[in-house]
Structures are given as structure tokens and as C-alpha cells.
Amino acid sequence: GSFQIGEGSVEDGDMLIAALEGSMGTVDVVGEDSLLSVATALEVGRFGAAVLTISDGGEVTAETVEIGLGPAGLGFGAPSETNLDGGSLVTQTSLVVGGSGTGTLTAMNNSTVTSLDGGIGIRNNGDGHVTLENSVWNLQLDLFIGIVDENNVPTGTGELTLTNNGFVTAQSLTLAAGSTLH
């Protein structure tokens, strides 16, 4: 299914986009007066394929945001993505891209991402990709990219790409073996 917010606001407790196996879902938040406010968790693609688009001044806020939760290696889940084009994504706590599945976050054209902390591909089977093009991700605490087991073998991988003045602010950045920073 699909859902679009244009010049209005929607408030919700929890929001799951493409929560069921094999499902597909899209949410578009478009325009300066457009707001999606989620009180607790916003999950973009639990067991299905999801696309969240925030553009032209649109804003999405939530306590936590996770993009790509579904464990694709177990036969369910599909790549999920969040795209910002002149938009804003704000979390009060964590932002995870590529939880136990494949997740992508792309921010361009002066988009802003804000979170307390963040992770890219930080759980087993996680595969996270973040690209910041002329945009910023502001973290109050730490950013973790990838995860390894006790033998330093990657169990989740992350990739962070910064282009055309894209940047990250954080107290610290941890890059695990098998993950990349461009």
C-alpha cells in the first residue's frame, strides 16, 4: 500500500511500513508543511519492502527509526530504503540502517538527519548503506558502522559514503572490520 502526506500532519504511536512477509509499502512526506510524527518506533521494512520518501521540506520525527529490519537471509525481508531530498528526519534516540536486513538511507540537497546515536549494519545479518550528499547527519553520541564477532569476523556490515560536502557530526565513530567509509 501507499500513503502520502502533503501540506498536513499525521501523528501515530508506532508505524510499521511493510511489516508482513512479502508486503510492499511506500510513504511520502512532501512539502514544507508536511509532518509525520511517530511517538515511539518507526520501522521501515520489517518483513517486506518499504520506501519512505521525505522531500521538499517535509519532516519525519520518531523516538526511534529502523530501516531494513527483516532478516533477508532467513527467506523473508526485502531491501528497504529511506530517501531524503531537501527533507528532515529526527529521532529522539537511535537511528539504525540495516538492522537484521538490508537498509539504505540516502540524503541529498541539504537534508538533515538528527539522532542521539546511530548504527549502520550493526546486528547479525545486517547490511546497511548510508549516503550523505550535500547533507548532514548530526548525532549527539556515537555512530557504529558494522559489527564483528569475538574473532573479529564481520556478522553485520555497513557502508557510509560522504559526497559533495556531506558530513557526520558525532562524539565518536566506530568502523568494524568488513565495513567501509568513503
Protein backbone atom coordinates (compact mmCIF):
# COMPACT_ATOMS: atom_id res chain seq x y z
CA GLY A 1 0.00 0.00 0.00
CA SER A 2 0.97 3.63 -0.20
CA PHE A 3 0.37 6.77 1.81
CA GLN A 4 1.20 10.41 1.06
CA ILE A 5 1.28 13.48 3.31
CA GLY A 6 1.27 16.85 1.57
CA GLU A 7 0.65 20.09 3.47
CA GLY A 8 -0.63 18.40 6.60
CA SER A 9 0.42 16.33 9.57
CA VAL A 10 -0.17 12.81 10.81
CA GLU A 11 0.54 11.59 14.34
CA ASP A 12 0.80 7.92 15.28
CA GLY A 13 2.02 5.76 18.19
CA ASP A 14 4.03 3.15 16.26
CA MET A 15 4.33 2.95 12.48
CA LEU A 16 5.40 -0.14 10.56
CA ILE A 17 5.81 0.13 6.80
CA ALA A 18 5.76 -3.26 5.04
CA ALA A 19 5.50 -5.28 8.25
CA LEU A 20 4.35 -8.60 6.74
CA GLU A 21 6.35 -11.09 4.73
CA GLY A 22 6.09 -10.30 1.03
CA SER A 23 4.38 -6.96 1.60
CA MET A 24 5.32 -3.67 -0.06
CA GLY A 25 4.70 -0.20 1.32
CA THR A 26 5.52 3.40 0.48
CA VAL A 27 5.10 6.58 2.49
CA ASP A 28 5.78 10.02 1.00
CA VAL A 29 6.09 13.15 3.15
CA VAL A 30 6.26 16.04 0.69
CA GLY A 31 6.32 19.82 1.23
CA GLU A 32 7.29 22.34 3.91
CA ASP A 33 4.04 21.99 5.83
CA SER A 34 4.13 18.18 5.84
CA LEU A 35 4.89 16.30 9.07
CA LEU A 36 4.78 12.65 10.07
CA SER A 37 5.17 12.39 13.85
CA VAL A 38 5.56 8.91 15.37
CA ALA A 39 5.50 8.79 19.19
CA THR A 40 7.61 5.63 19.53
CA ALA A 41 9.03 3.34 16.81
CA LEU A 42 9.06 3.91 13.06
CA GLU A 43 10.03 0.71 11.25
CA VAL A 44 10.73 0.94 7.54
CA GLY A 45 10.57 -2.62 6.20
CA ARG A 46 10.22 -5.33 8.84
CA PHE A 47 9.48 -8.37 6.65
CA GLY A 48 8.56 -6.61 3.40
CA ALA A 49 10.00 -3.99 1.06
CA ALA A 50 9.41 -0.41 2.18
CA VAL A 51 10.24 3.04 0.84
CA LEU A 52 9.96 6.21 2.93
CA THR A 53 10.50 9.45 0.99
CA ILE A 54 10.88 12.83 2.73
CA SER A 55 11.21 15.75 0.33
CA ASP A 56 10.79 19.47 -0.35
CA GLY A 57 10.90 20.49 3.32
CA GLY A 58 8.89 17.54 4.66
CA GLU A 59 9.74 16.27 8.14
CA VAL A 60 9.51 12.92 9.93
CA THR A 61 10.02 12.60 13.70
CA ALA A 62 10.04 9.49 15.89
CA GLU A 63 11.53 8.18 19.10
CA THR A 64 13.46 5.50 17.16
CA VAL A 65 13.78 4.71 13.46
CA GLU A 66 14.96 1.45 11.95
CA ILE A 67 15.35 0.88 8.21
CA GLY A 68 15.64 -2.72 6.99
CA LEU A 69 14.73 -4.94 9.93
CA GLY A 70 13.76 -8.16 8.18
CA PRO A 71 16.30 -10.98 8.27
CA ALA A 72 16.55 -11.48 4.50
CA GLY A 73 18.94 -14.40 4.98
CA LEU A 74 16.10 -16.39 6.55
CA GLY A 75 13.91 -16.11 3.46
CA PHE A 76 11.86 -13.08 4.39
CA GLY A 77 12.52 -9.42 4.38
CA ALA A 78 13.49 -7.35 1.41
CA PRO A 79 15.70 -4.32 0.93
CA SER A 80 14.08 -1.19 2.36
CA GLU A 81 15.05 2.43 1.95
CA THR A 82 14.55 5.95 3.18
CA ASN A 83 15.25 8.82 0.80
CA LEU A 84 15.57 12.46 1.79
CA ASP A 85 15.63 15.19 -0.85
CA GLY A 86 15.58 18.51 0.98
CA GLY A 87 13.83 16.87 3.96
CA SER A 88 14.40 16.24 7.64
CA LEU A 89 14.46 13.01 9.71
CA VAL A 90 14.65 13.41 13.50
CA THR A 91 14.86 10.66 16.13
CA GLN A 92 14.93 11.24 19.87
CA THR A 93 17.07 8.11 20.42
CA SER A 94 18.55 5.78 17.80
CA LEU A 95 18.59 5.52 14.03
CA VAL A 96 19.57 2.08 12.68
CA VAL A 97 20.08 1.45 8.97
CA GLY A 98 20.32 -2.25 8.12
CA GLY A 99 19.13 -3.88 11.33
CA SER A 100 18.93 -7.62 10.64
CA GLY A 101 18.15 -6.99 6.98
CA THR A 102 19.18 -4.66 4.18
CA GLY A 103 18.53 -0.97 4.66
CA THR A 104 19.55 2.14 2.76
CA LEU A 105 19.39 5.80 3.76
CA THR A 106 20.11 8.41 1.10
CA ALA A 107 20.08 12.12 1.96
CA MET A 108 20.68 14.84 -0.60
CA ASN A 109 20.07 18.55 -1.31
CA ASN A 110 20.62 19.98 2.18
CA SER A 111 18.72 17.27 4.02
CA THR A 112 19.22 16.89 7.76
CA VAL A 113 19.25 13.69 9.81
CA THR A 114 19.35 14.02 13.61
CA SER A 115 19.63 11.29 16.25
CA LEU A 116 21.00 10.59 19.71
CA ASP A 117 23.09 7.69 18.37
CA GLY A 118 23.18 5.56 15.25
CA GLY A 119 24.20 2.34 13.61
CA ILE A 120 24.74 1.08 10.08
CA GLY A 121 24.62 -2.72 9.69
CA ILE A 122 25.05 -3.30 13.42
CA ARG A 123 23.14 -6.54 14.00
CA ASN A 124 23.75 -10.10 12.79
CA ASN A 125 22.95 -10.32 9.06
CA GLY A 126 22.59 -6.54 8.94
CA ASP A 127 23.54 -4.81 5.69
CA GLY A 128 23.33 -1.03 5.93
CA HIS A 129 24.17 1.70 3.43
CA VAL A 130 24.11 5.45 4.10
CA THR A 131 24.91 8.14 1.53
CA LEU A 132 25.03 11.81 2.50
CA GLU A 133 25.27 14.13 -0.49
CA ASN A 134 25.37 17.81 0.47
CA SER A 135 23.55 16.77 3.66
CA VAL A 136 24.35 16.15 7.32
CA TRP A 137 23.74 13.50 9.99
CA ASN A 138 24.05 15.06 13.46
CA LEU A 139 24.48 12.56 16.32
CA GLN A 140 24.73 13.64 19.93
CA LEU A 141 26.62 10.46 20.85
CA ASP A 142 28.17 7.67 18.77
CA LEU A 143 27.94 6.17 15.28
CA PHE A 144 28.71 2.47 14.80
CA ILE A 145 29.35 1.02 11.34
CA GLY A 146 29.24 -2.79 11.16
CA ILE A 147 29.62 -5.45 13.82
CA VAL A 148 32.06 -8.32 14.35
CA ASP A 149 32.03 -11.49 16.44
CA GLU A 150 34.56 -12.39 19.13
CA ASN A 151 37.03 -13.48 16.39
CA ASN A 152 36.74 -10.11 14.58
CA VAL A 153 34.74 -11.76 11.77
CA PRO A 154 32.05 -9.45 10.34
CA THR A 155 28.49 -10.53 11.17
CA GLY A 156 26.89 -7.28 10.02
CA THR A 157 28.30 -4.79 7.52
CA GLY A 158 27.84 -1.09 7.00
CA GLU A 159 28.86 1.46 4.41
CA LEU A 160 28.92 5.23 4.87
CA THR A 161 29.52 7.43 1.81
CA LEU A 162 30.03 11.19 2.11
CA THR A 163 29.93 13.20 -1.14
CA ASN A 164 29.62 16.83 -2.23
CA ASN A 165 30.06 18.32 1.27
CA GLY A 166 28.08 15.61 3.05
CA PHE A 167 29.21 15.13 6.64
CA VAL A 168 28.58 13.50 10.01
CA THR A 169 28.97 15.02 13.47
CA ALA A 170 29.33 12.59 16.40
CA GLN A 171 31.28 12.12 19.62
CA SER A 172 32.86 9.01 18.12
CA LEU A 173 32.72 6.79 15.05
CA THR A 174 33.49 3.06 15.25
CA LEU A 175 34.23 1.25 11.97
CA ALA A 176 34.20 -2.56 12.28
CA ALA A 177 36.20 -4.93 10.10
CA GLY A 178 34.47 -5.57 6.77
CA SER A 179 32.67 -2.23 6.76
CA THR A 180 33.60 0.88 4.78
CA LEU A 181 33.75 4.65 4.99
CA HIS A 182 34.07 6.65 1.74
